[in-house]
Amino acid sequence: MNNLDTNNKERERESCYTISVIIPTFNAEKYIKRAINSVINQTIGFENIELIIVDDNSIDNTKQILKNFSKQYENIKSIFLKTNSGNPSKPRNIGIESANSNYIMFLDDDDKYDKEVCEKLYNKAINDETLDFVACGLFLEKDEIINFNYNDLDFIKFEGNYSNSEWKSPDRQQWLVLFSICNKIFKKSFLIDNNIRFSKYRHEDANFMMICFIKVYSFAVFNSYIGYFITVRPDSRSRNFTPLKHLDIIQGVLFTYRNYLRKEDSNTKKFYFDHYSPSFLVSHFLFLRYDDFKKVYSECIPIFKEGIKLSKNRSYFLIIRTFSLNYYTAIFFMFLFQALNKVLKIK
């Protein structure tokens, strides 16, 4: 054990808080009070929670709201970035490094917690020290309940690396439960010891969870309990895709593959391809500009070819094969798709 490991464990033992909740925020003056109050009103007792809010250089009244809360509560730690980072990754990573509790949870600035979520997730986590994280269901705006619905049990535990589990074919709702980050409690040592952080690229939450599933020893899911409420903001930074945003997502997938997956065994890669890529990659490739296409095409080819070989997910299968043939065929297909898409939109 190195000095850093020792220091982390000593720091955790000395913490007077049970959970560190991390909120990244940017221009959320309309929503941030609701998010904060949903933490303050937790049944586990707010005195047991360290609330870390990292502001990504907001230009509305968000900073003043945070300063007011920090003055009122000593366990609310507000961190103000001097320059905007462009997405929640850097604020979340700063929150992880600043956390003083054994367990970490995330909350987006426009969403809110059910009042019992911290208590329920924490109690499950500490009752089984083998669990690296515990998840619950979500409630999406427009009255959509997102449950796991795997079986009739209230609580399901998955042992061993998730890529080796018998169950690995989630439907849409199960995928959202698995690959969302704010409906979970994480053992801090699991994130620190495995150097799991958010990448600077878009779709950072799904990339983060993919790494978690590669590294996990065991995790568990509440089958029907809804603990997290999602609000869809019209001004959200994740909406209104542009070619540059599509490129950013592709670069995020490449980053995850390059740094965490390239040397994994075929079974782990198969899990990755079944859930995430290469059909996901291709769906964003189709919207790139020509210059951006040239930047990333050659690095994506190994992913396309491995995906065809290993994955049982046949969505976009013909398109993936077409993209894998050669550079010029892929370029032609991309331009054809964009032309057809433009015509359909005009109609």
Protein backbone atom coordinates (compact mmCIF):
# COMPACT_ATOMS: atom_id res chain seq x y z
CA MET A 1 0.00 0.00 0.00
CA ASN A 2 1.45 3.39 -0.98
CA ASN A 3 1.32 6.62 1.01
CA LEU A 4 -1.55 7.95 -1.09
CA ASP A 5 -3.68 4.89 -0.26
CA THR A 6 -2.86 5.28 3.43
CA ASN A 7 -3.68 8.99 3.40
CA ASN A 8 -7.00 8.35 1.66
CA LYS A 9 -8.04 5.73 4.23
CA GLU A 10 -6.99 7.92 7.16
CA ARG A 11 -8.89 10.83 5.65
CA GLU A 12 -12.01 8.69 5.28
CA ARG A 13 -11.84 7.44 8.88
CA GLU A 14 -11.50 11.01 10.15
CA SER A 15 -14.51 12.27 8.19
CA CYS A 16 -17.53 13.25 10.26
CA TYR A 17 -19.84 12.82 7.27
CA THR A 18 -21.56 9.68 6.02
CA ILE A 19 -21.97 10.69 2.37
CA SER A 20 -20.49 13.35 0.10
CA VAL A 21 -23.03 14.62 -2.45
CA ILE A 22 -21.50 16.36 -5.46
CA ILE A 23 -23.44 18.87 -7.57
CA PRO A 24 -21.84 20.39 -10.70
CA THR A 25 -23.67 23.56 -11.68
CA PHE A 26 -23.77 26.19 -14.41
CA ASN A 27 -26.37 28.96 -14.83
CA ALA A 28 -28.95 27.11 -12.76
CA GLU A 29 -30.50 29.95 -10.79
CA LYS A 30 -34.01 28.63 -11.58
CA TYR A 31 -33.32 25.11 -10.31
CA ILE A 32 -30.37 24.96 -7.92
CA LYS A 33 -32.33 25.81 -4.75
CA ARG A 34 -34.66 22.87 -5.34
CA ALA A 35 -31.71 20.52 -5.85
CA ILE A 36 -29.96 21.73 -2.69
CA ASN A 37 -33.14 21.56 -0.60
CA SER A 38 -33.72 17.96 -1.71
CA VAL A 39 -30.35 17.15 -0.09
CA ILE A 40 -31.03 19.23 3.03
CA ASN A 41 -34.32 17.38 3.57
CA GLN A 42 -32.84 13.86 3.45
CA THR A 43 -34.13 11.45 6.11
CA ILE A 44 -30.57 10.33 6.85
CA GLY A 45 -30.05 13.76 8.39
CA PHE A 46 -28.36 16.63 6.59
CA GLU A 47 -25.77 16.84 9.36
CA ASN A 48 -24.45 13.49 8.05
CA ILE A 49 -23.99 14.80 4.51
CA GLU A 50 -21.14 16.80 3.02
CA LEU A 51 -22.62 18.77 0.11
CA ILE A 52 -19.99 19.83 -2.44
CA ILE A 53 -21.22 22.22 -5.15
CA VAL A 54 -18.81 23.09 -7.95
CA ASP A 55 -19.85 26.10 -10.02
CA ASP A 56 -18.55 26.09 -13.61
CA ASN A 57 -18.21 29.90 -13.79
CA SER A 58 -21.92 30.74 -13.96
CA ILE A 59 -22.87 34.18 -15.25
CA ASP A 60 -26.37 34.34 -13.72
CA ASN A 61 -27.28 34.49 -10.02
CA THR A 62 -26.16 30.91 -9.25
CA LYS A 63 -22.93 31.96 -7.49
CA GLN A 64 -24.75 34.24 -5.06
CA ILE A 65 -27.27 31.54 -4.26
CA LEU A 66 -24.43 29.15 -3.42
CA LYS A 67 -22.67 31.74 -1.24
CA ASN A 68 -25.88 32.26 0.72
CA PHE A 69 -26.32 28.52 1.33
CA SER A 70 -22.65 28.14 2.32
CA LYS A 71 -23.03 30.89 4.92
CA GLN A 72 -26.09 29.16 6.36
CA TYR A 73 -24.69 25.60 6.46
CA GLU A 74 -21.11 24.69 7.38
CA ASN A 75 -21.40 21.34 5.57
CA ILE A 76 -22.12 23.01 2.23
CA LYS A 77 -18.82 23.52 0.42
CA SER A 78 -19.05 25.77 -2.65
CA ILE A 79 -16.18 25.75 -5.15
CA PHE A 80 -16.07 28.41 -7.88
CA LEU A 81 -14.15 27.78 -11.11
CA LYS A 82 -12.62 30.84 -12.77
CA THR A 83 -13.17 29.57 -16.33
CA ASN A 84 -16.00 27.53 -17.80
CA SER A 85 -15.02 23.94 -18.62
CA GLY A 86 -17.89 23.26 -21.01
CA ASN A 87 -19.42 20.18 -19.34
CA PRO A 88 -19.93 18.68 -15.86
CA SER A 89 -16.83 16.44 -15.97
CA LYS A 90 -14.27 18.78 -14.43
CA PRO A 91 -16.63 19.96 -11.65
CA ARG A 92 -17.50 16.35 -10.79
CA ASN A 93 -13.84 15.32 -10.74
CA ILE A 94 -13.01 18.23 -8.45
CA GLY A 95 -15.88 17.09 -6.23
CA ILE A 96 -14.48 13.54 -6.05
CA GLU A 97 -11.05 14.84 -5.06
CA SER A 98 -12.59 17.16 -2.44
CA ALA A 99 -14.89 14.56 -0.87
CA ASN A 100 -14.17 13.56 2.74
CA SER A 101 -16.71 10.74 3.13
CA ASN A 102 -16.47 7.01 2.48
CA TYR A 103 -19.38 7.18 0.00
CA ILE A 104 -20.10 9.52 -2.90
CA MET A 105 -23.32 10.45 -4.69
CA PHE A 106 -23.97 12.79 -7.60
CA LEU A 107 -26.85 15.18 -8.23
CA ASP A 108 -27.43 17.38 -11.28
CA ASP A 109 -28.30 20.99 -10.57
CA ASP A 110 -31.74 20.82 -12.20
CA ASP A 111 -32.85 17.51 -10.66
CA LYS A 112 -33.81 16.43 -7.16
CA TYR A 113 -33.59 13.49 -4.75
CA ASP A 114 -36.40 11.56 -3.14
CA LYS A 115 -36.14 12.36 0.57
CA GLU A 116 -35.15 8.77 1.47
CA VAL A 117 -32.65 8.05 -1.31
CA CYS A 118 -29.44 8.72 0.64
CA GLU A 119 -30.61 6.61 3.57
CA LYS A 120 -31.81 3.69 1.44
CA LEU A 121 -28.74 3.52 -0.79
CA TYR A 122 -26.30 4.03 2.09
CA ASN A 123 -27.88 1.37 4.29
CA LYS A 124 -27.67 -1.19 1.49
CA ALA A 125 -24.07 -0.22 0.74
CA ILE A 126 -22.76 -0.49 4.29
CA ASN A 127 -24.60 -3.77 4.98
CA ASP A 128 -22.54 -5.45 2.27
CA GLU A 129 -18.98 -4.18 2.06
CA THR A 130 -18.37 -6.11 -1.18
CA LEU A 131 -20.67 -3.69 -3.06
CA ASP A 132 -18.84 -1.02 -5.05
CA PHE A 133 -22.05 0.84 -5.86
CA VAL A 134 -25.82 0.61 -5.40
CA ALA A 135 -28.46 1.95 -7.83
CA CYS A 136 -32.16 2.82 -7.76
CA GLY A 137 -34.84 3.76 -10.30
CA LEU A 138 -35.48 7.18 -11.80
CA PHE A 139 -38.49 9.37 -12.57
CA LEU A 140 -38.20 11.23 -15.86
CA GLU A 141 -40.10 14.42 -16.60
CA LYS A 142 -43.43 13.80 -18.41
CA ASP A 143 -44.34 11.12 -15.87
CA GLU A 144 -42.08 8.34 -17.10
CA ILE A 145 -41.08 5.94 -14.35
CA ILE A 146 -37.81 4.17 -15.09
CA ASN A 147 -37.55 0.96 -13.07
CA PHE A 148 -35.09 -1.88 -13.34
CA ASN A 149 -37.85 -4.54 -13.41
CA TYR A 150 -35.49 -7.47 -13.64
CA ASN A 151 -37.44 -9.92 -11.49
CA ASP A 152 -39.87 -9.98 -8.54
CA LEU A 153 -37.23 -9.24 -5.92
CA ASP A 154 -36.97 -5.82 -4.26
CA PHE A 155 -33.17 -5.82 -4.48
CA ILE A 156 -30.79 -7.57 -6.89
CA LYS A 157 -27.08 -8.12 -6.43
CA PHE A 158 -24.67 -8.86 -9.28
CA GLU A 159 -21.43 -10.56 -8.28
CA GLY A 160 -18.14 -10.38 -10.12
CA ASN A 161 -17.23 -8.27 -13.12
CA TYR A 162 -20.49 -7.28 -14.80
CA SER A 163 -19.11 -8.27 -18.20
CA ASN A 164 -19.00 -11.86 -16.91
CA SER A 165 -22.51 -11.93 -15.44
CA GLU A 166 -25.23 -14.08 -16.91
CA TRP A 167 -27.51 -11.09 -17.38
CA LYS A 168 -26.22 -8.44 -19.77
CA SER A 169 -28.97 -7.58 -22.25
CA PRO A 170 -30.80 -4.59 -20.74
CA ASP A 171 -33.86 -3.02 -22.29
CA ARG A 172 -34.07 0.78 -22.54
CA GLN A 173 -35.24 1.34 -18.96
CA GLN A 174 -32.70 -1.05 -17.49
CA TRP A 175 -29.94 0.60 -19.55
CA LEU A 176 -30.90 4.02 -18.12
CA VAL A 177 -30.84 2.66 -14.56
CA LEU A 178 -27.43 1.06 -15.14
CA PHE A 179 -25.69 3.86 -17.04
CA SER A 180 -27.02 6.91 -15.18
CA ILE A 181 -24.73 8.18 -12.43
CA CYS A 182 -27.02 10.26 -10.23
CA ASN A 183 -29.20 7.33 -9.13
CA LYS A 184 -26.27 5.62 -7.37
CA ILE A 185 -24.08 5.64 -4.30
CA PHE A 186 -20.42 4.81 -4.93
CA LYS A 187 -17.80 3.55 -2.53
CA LYS A 188 -15.19 6.29 -2.70
CA SER A 189 -12.28 3.86 -2.44
CA PHE A 190 -13.61 2.03 -5.52
CA LEU A 191 -13.36 5.23 -7.60
CA ILE A 192 -10.01 6.30 -6.15
CA ASP A 193 -8.27 2.91 -6.29
CA ASN A 194 -9.30 2.31 -9.90
CA ASN A 195 -8.65 5.92 -10.96
CA ILE A 196 -12.19 6.24 -12.30
CA ARG A 197 -12.91 9.81 -13.35
CA PHE A 198 -15.09 11.64 -15.84
CA SER A 199 -13.52 12.29 -19.23
CA LYS A 200 -13.59 15.78 -20.69
CA TYR A 201 -15.77 14.59 -23.58
CA ARG A 202 -19.52 14.49 -23.93
CA HIS A 203 -21.56 11.46 -22.87
CA GLU A 204 -19.20 11.44 -19.91
CA ASP A 205 -21.71 9.78 -17.57
CA ALA A 206 -22.13 6.66 -19.72
CA ASN A 207 -18.37 6.46 -20.29
CA PHE A 208 -17.86 6.75 -16.53
CA MET A 209 -20.29 3.92 -15.84
CA MET A 210 -18.76 1.74 -18.55
CA ILE A 211 -15.43 1.97 -16.74
CA CYS A 212 -17.18 1.18 -13.46
CA PHE A 213 -18.65 -1.99 -14.95
CA ILE A 214 -15.25 -3.06 -16.24
CA LYS A 215 -13.67 -2.59 -12.79
CA VAL A 216 -16.54 -3.56 -10.47
CA TYR A 217 -16.34 -6.44 -7.99
CA SER A 218 -20.07 -6.44 -7.22
CA PHE A 219 -22.98 -4.00 -7.37
CA ALA A 220 -26.68 -4.03 -6.58
CA VAL A 221 -29.91 -2.43 -7.81
CA PHE A 222 -33.24 -1.62 -6.19
CA ASN A 223 -35.72 -3.25 -8.51
CA SER A 224 -38.59 -0.79 -8.10
CA TYR A 225 -37.64 2.02 -5.70
CA ILE A 226 -37.59 5.45 -7.39
CA GLY A 227 -35.03 7.71 -5.74
CA TYR A 228 -34.06 10.25 -8.38
CA PHE A 229 -36.16 12.80 -10.31
CA ILE A 230 -34.92 14.13 -13.66
CA THR A 231 -35.86 17.52 -15.11
CA VAL A 232 -35.30 18.21 -18.82
CA ARG A 233 -34.14 21.80 -19.22
CA PRO A 234 -34.73 23.53 -22.58
CA ASP A 235 -31.39 25.36 -22.14
CA SER A 236 -29.42 22.28 -21.11
CA ARG A 237 -25.86 22.11 -22.46
CA SER A 238 -26.48 18.51 -23.54
CA ARG A 239 -29.23 19.43 -25.99
CA ASN A 240 -29.10 20.90 -29.54
CA PHE A 241 -26.45 18.73 -31.14
CA THR A 242 -23.98 20.24 -33.61
CA PRO A 243 -21.29 18.46 -35.70
CA LEU A 244 -18.70 19.45 -33.09
CA LYS A 245 -20.77 17.85 -30.34
CA HIS A 246 -21.04 14.64 -32.36
CA LEU A 247 -17.25 14.70 -32.76
CA ASP A 248 -16.83 15.25 -29.03
CA ILE A 249 -18.95 12.18 -28.25
CA ILE A 250 -16.92 10.03 -30.66
CA GLN A 251 -13.70 11.24 -29.04
CA GLY A 252 -15.12 10.30 -25.65
CA VAL A 253 -15.81 6.74 -26.81
CA LEU A 254 -12.30 6.53 -28.26
CA PHE A 255 -10.84 7.81 -24.99
CA THR A 256 -12.64 5.10 -22.99
CA TYR A 257 -11.62 2.39 -25.43
CA ARG A 258 -8.01 3.55 -25.66
CA ASN A 259 -7.41 4.01 -21.92
CA TYR A 260 -9.56 1.31 -20.34
CA LEU A 261 -10.68 -1.32 -22.84
CA ARG A 262 -8.00 -1.94 -25.46
CA LYS A 263 -6.11 -4.49 -23.33
CA GLU A 264 -9.17 -6.18 -21.81
CA ASP A 265 -10.18 -9.73 -22.71
CA SER A 266 -12.66 -10.51 -25.47
CA ASN A 267 -15.50 -11.16 -23.02
CA THR A 268 -15.20 -7.67 -21.54
CA LYS A 269 -14.97 -6.15 -25.01
CA LYS A 270 -18.07 -8.08 -26.06
CA PHE A 271 -19.94 -6.58 -23.13
CA TYR A 272 -18.81 -3.11 -24.24
CA PHE A 273 -19.88 -3.66 -27.85
CA ASP A 274 -23.23 -5.16 -26.88
CA HIS A 275 -24.11 -2.12 -24.79
CA TYR A 276 -22.45 0.86 -26.34
CA SER A 277 -20.40 0.61 -29.50
CA PRO A 278 -19.86 0.52 -32.47
CA SER A 279 -23.47 1.25 -33.49
CA PHE A 280 -23.36 4.21 -31.11
CA LEU A 281 -20.20 5.46 -32.83
CA VAL A 282 -21.70 5.18 -36.30
CA SER A 283 -24.87 7.03 -35.29
CA HIS A 284 -22.68 10.06 -34.50
CA PHE A 285 -20.29 9.58 -37.43
CA LEU A 286 -23.14 10.23 -39.82
CA PHE A 287 -23.39 13.86 -38.68
CA LEU A 288 -19.71 14.83 -38.85
CA ARG A 289 -18.10 17.41 -41.08
CA TYR A 290 -15.55 16.11 -43.58
CA ASP A 291 -12.50 17.53 -41.75
CA ASP A 292 -13.67 16.04 -38.46
CA PHE A 293 -14.35 12.69 -40.11
CA LYS A 294 -10.71 12.52 -41.24
CA LYS A 295 -9.50 13.10 -37.67
CA VAL A 296 -11.14 10.06 -36.12
CA TYR A 297 -11.98 7.53 -38.85
CA SER A 298 -8.74 5.50 -38.77
CA GLU A 299 -8.82 5.09 -34.98
CA CYS A 300 -12.43 3.90 -35.11
CA ILE A 301 -11.80 1.11 -37.62
CA PRO A 302 -10.47 -1.39 -35.01
CA ILE A 303 -13.58 -0.75 -32.91
CA PHE A 304 -15.86 -1.32 -35.90
CA LYS A 305 -14.14 -4.58 -36.82
CA GLU A 306 -14.01 -5.92 -33.27
CA GLY A 307 -17.64 -4.98 -32.77
CA ILE A 308 -18.72 -6.91 -35.87
CA LYS A 309 -16.75 -9.93 -34.68
CA LEU A 310 -17.81 -9.96 -31.01
CA SER A 311 -21.16 -8.25 -30.59
CA LYS A 312 -24.55 -9.92 -30.71
CA ASN A 313 -26.17 -6.50 -31.11
CA ARG A 314 -27.09 -6.28 -34.79
CA SER A 315 -28.45 -2.73 -34.80
CA TYR A 316 -26.75 -0.68 -37.55
CA PHE A 317 -24.96 -3.89 -38.58
CA LEU A 318 -25.07 -3.15 -42.34
CA ILE A 319 -23.97 0.45 -41.76
CA ILE A 320 -21.08 -0.68 -39.56
CA ARG A 321 -19.89 -3.10 -42.25
CA THR A 322 -20.15 -0.34 -44.86
CA PHE A 323 -18.12 2.04 -42.71
CA SER A 324 -15.49 -0.66 -42.17
CA LEU A 325 -14.87 -1.37 -45.87
CA ASN A 326 -12.67 1.61 -46.62
CA TYR A 327 -12.35 5.34 -46.12
CA TYR A 328 -13.99 6.45 -49.38
CA THR A 329 -16.99 4.17 -48.98
CA ALA A 330 -17.53 5.57 -45.50
CA ILE A 331 -17.25 9.15 -46.75
CA PHE A 332 -19.75 8.48 -49.54
CA PHE A 333 -22.19 6.89 -47.11
CA MET A 334 -21.89 9.82 -44.69
CA PHE A 335 -22.53 12.43 -47.40
CA LEU A 336 -25.46 10.38 -48.75
CA PHE A 337 -27.02 10.17 -45.32
CA GLN A 338 -26.60 13.91 -44.70
CA ALA A 339 -28.13 14.76 -48.09
CA LEU A 340 -31.14 12.53 -47.45
CA ASN A 341 -31.49 13.92 -43.95
CA LYS A 342 -31.51 17.48 -45.28
CA VAL A 343 -34.18 16.63 -47.86
CA LEU A 344 -36.38 14.93 -45.29
CA LYS A 345 -36.09 17.92 -42.97
CA ILE A 346 -37.05 20.32 -45.78
CA LYS A 347 -40.15 18.25 -46.42
